[in-house]
Amino acid sequence: MLKEGKPTARVEHGVEITSSLQQRMKEMVFDTRISPVMEDTDILAQLPRTHVMVCGYDQLRDDGLLLVDLLEKLEVDVTLQYLPRSLHAVFTFGADLKPSYHNDQNHIYFNTIKDYVDGL
């Protein structure tokens, strides 16, 4: 869409979609700190033992499962903690809801990390 010879942004769901916003989103999607599955496999293959928590009702669920699958194929020592009934931000729920399923899962997660660190 042009307005007086200049490109204008479109609006979707009340958000102005500018070219700079599109560029920033593209950078974020391909940022390996945010999307580790986008990292070079030579680098991923060098990871130490890795523990991944994936929640069933998380918008990042598939990314986590893809990461675990990829790390297994690269022969990285990886474990998966799958919480089928949990949402994104499960740590927050587990911290606030004692005792609860989420709090129990937090303990499993943190004990897994602690056991790994203790073994170094």
Protein backbone atom coordinates (compact mmCIF):
# COMPACT_ATOMS: atom_id res chain seq x y z
CA MET A 1 0.00 0.00 0.00
CA LEU A 2 1.39 3.42 -0.90
CA LYS A 3 0.59 6.75 0.64
CA GLU A 4 2.09 9.78 -1.07
CA GLY A 5 4.76 7.60 -2.68
CA LYS A 6 5.91 6.05 0.64
CA PRO A 7 5.22 2.50 1.75
CA THR A 8 2.90 2.30 4.72
CA ALA A 9 2.62 -0.44 7.26
CA ARG A 10 -0.32 -2.77 7.33
CA VAL A 11 -2.23 -3.34 10.54
CA GLU A 12 -3.05 -6.84 11.74
CA HIS A 13 -4.98 -7.48 14.95
CA GLY A 14 -4.32 -3.90 16.01
CA VAL A 15 -0.54 -4.15 15.50
CA GLU A 16 1.23 -2.02 12.93
CA ILE A 17 3.42 -4.35 10.84
CA THR A 18 6.32 -2.23 9.62
CA SER A 19 9.29 -3.44 7.62
CA SER A 20 11.54 -2.86 10.65
CA LEU A 21 9.23 -5.01 12.79
CA GLN A 22 9.27 -7.73 10.13
CA GLN A 23 13.08 -7.62 10.03
CA ARG A 24 13.34 -7.80 13.84
CA MET A 25 10.96 -10.76 13.97
CA LYS A 26 13.00 -12.55 11.29
CA GLU A 27 16.16 -11.94 13.32
CA MET A 28 14.51 -13.33 16.44
CA VAL A 29 13.18 -16.44 14.71
CA PHE A 30 16.63 -17.30 13.41
CA ASP A 31 18.47 -16.30 16.62
CA THR A 32 19.93 -19.56 17.89
CA ARG A 33 19.70 -18.35 21.50
CA ILE A 34 15.92 -18.26 21.06
CA SER A 35 15.59 -21.10 18.52
CA PRO A 36 18.37 -23.61 19.25
CA VAL A 37 17.11 -25.95 16.51
CA MET A 38 18.37 -23.33 14.06
CA GLU A 39 21.96 -23.72 15.33
CA ASP A 40 24.59 -25.43 13.19
CA THR A 41 24.63 -29.17 13.90
CA ASP A 42 28.43 -29.13 14.39
CA ILE A 43 27.91 -26.80 17.34
CA LEU A 44 24.91 -28.70 18.73
CA ALA A 45 26.87 -31.96 18.59
CA GLN A 46 29.34 -30.48 21.10
CA LEU A 47 26.72 -29.81 23.77
CA PRO A 48 27.25 -31.41 27.17
CA ARG A 49 24.55 -33.54 28.70
CA THR A 50 21.30 -31.66 28.12
CA HIS A 51 17.93 -31.82 29.90
CA VAL A 52 14.88 -30.43 28.09
CA MET A 53 11.52 -29.80 29.72
CA VAL A 54 8.58 -29.78 27.31
CA CYS A 55 5.01 -28.93 28.28
CA GLY A 56 2.00 -30.36 26.46
CA TYR A 57 0.15 -27.05 26.27
CA ASP A 58 3.15 -24.88 25.41
CA GLN A 59 3.42 -22.93 22.18
CA LEU A 60 7.07 -24.09 22.12
CA ARG A 61 6.24 -27.78 22.61
CA ASP A 62 7.08 -28.84 19.06
CA ASP A 63 10.34 -26.87 19.11
CA GLY A 64 11.41 -28.70 22.28
CA LEU A 65 10.52 -32.10 20.84
CA LEU A 66 12.38 -31.30 17.61
CA LEU A 67 15.41 -30.23 19.63
CA VAL A 68 15.45 -33.47 21.63
CA ASP A 69 15.12 -35.51 18.43
CA LEU A 70 17.93 -33.59 16.77
CA LEU A 71 20.24 -33.91 19.78
CA GLU A 72 19.58 -37.67 19.93
CA LYS A 73 20.50 -37.99 16.25
CA LEU A 74 23.71 -36.05 16.98
CA GLU A 75 24.39 -38.49 19.85
CA VAL A 76 24.24 -35.80 22.52
CA ASP A 77 23.38 -37.16 25.98
CA VAL A 78 19.89 -35.67 26.23
CA THR A 79 16.96 -36.35 28.52
CA LEU A 80 13.37 -35.23 28.05
CA GLN A 81 10.99 -34.31 30.85
CA TYR A 82 7.53 -34.19 29.23
CA LEU A 83 4.67 -32.62 31.17
CA PRO A 84 1.56 -33.40 29.11
CA ARG A 85 -0.83 -31.39 31.33
CA SER A 86 1.30 -28.28 31.73
CA LEU A 87 1.41 -24.85 30.15
CA HIS A 88 4.30 -22.57 29.26
CA ALA A 89 5.72 -20.93 32.42
CA VAL A 90 5.25 -24.09 34.47
CA PHE A 91 8.03 -22.94 36.82
CA THR A 92 5.81 -20.09 37.95
CA PHE A 93 2.90 -22.42 38.66
CA GLY A 94 5.13 -24.87 40.49
CA ALA A 95 6.59 -22.14 42.65
CA ASP A 96 3.16 -20.78 43.62
CA LEU A 97 1.09 -23.95 43.91
CA LYS A 98 2.37 -26.11 46.75
CA PRO A 99 1.78 -29.03 46.87
CA SER A 100 0.81 -29.69 43.28
CA TYR A 101 1.68 -31.61 40.15
CA HIS A 102 3.58 -28.57 38.87
CA ASN A 103 5.55 -28.18 42.09
CA ASP A 104 6.48 -31.88 41.93
CA GLN A 105 7.65 -31.45 38.32
CA ASN A 106 9.76 -28.45 39.31
CA HIS A 107 11.47 -30.60 41.93
CA ILE A 108 12.20 -33.29 39.33
CA TYR A 109 13.61 -30.70 36.96
CA PHE A 110 15.81 -28.94 39.50
CA ASN A 111 17.01 -32.21 41.04
CA THR A 112 18.02 -33.40 37.57
CA ILE A 113 20.08 -30.24 37.08
CA LYS A 114 21.53 -30.47 40.62
CA ASP A 115 22.53 -34.11 40.12
CA TYR A 116 24.29 -33.20 36.90
CA VAL A 117 26.19 -30.29 38.47
CA ASP A 118 27.11 -32.38 41.52
CA GLY A 119 28.57 -34.99 39.16
CA LEU A 120 30.92 -32.55 37.44
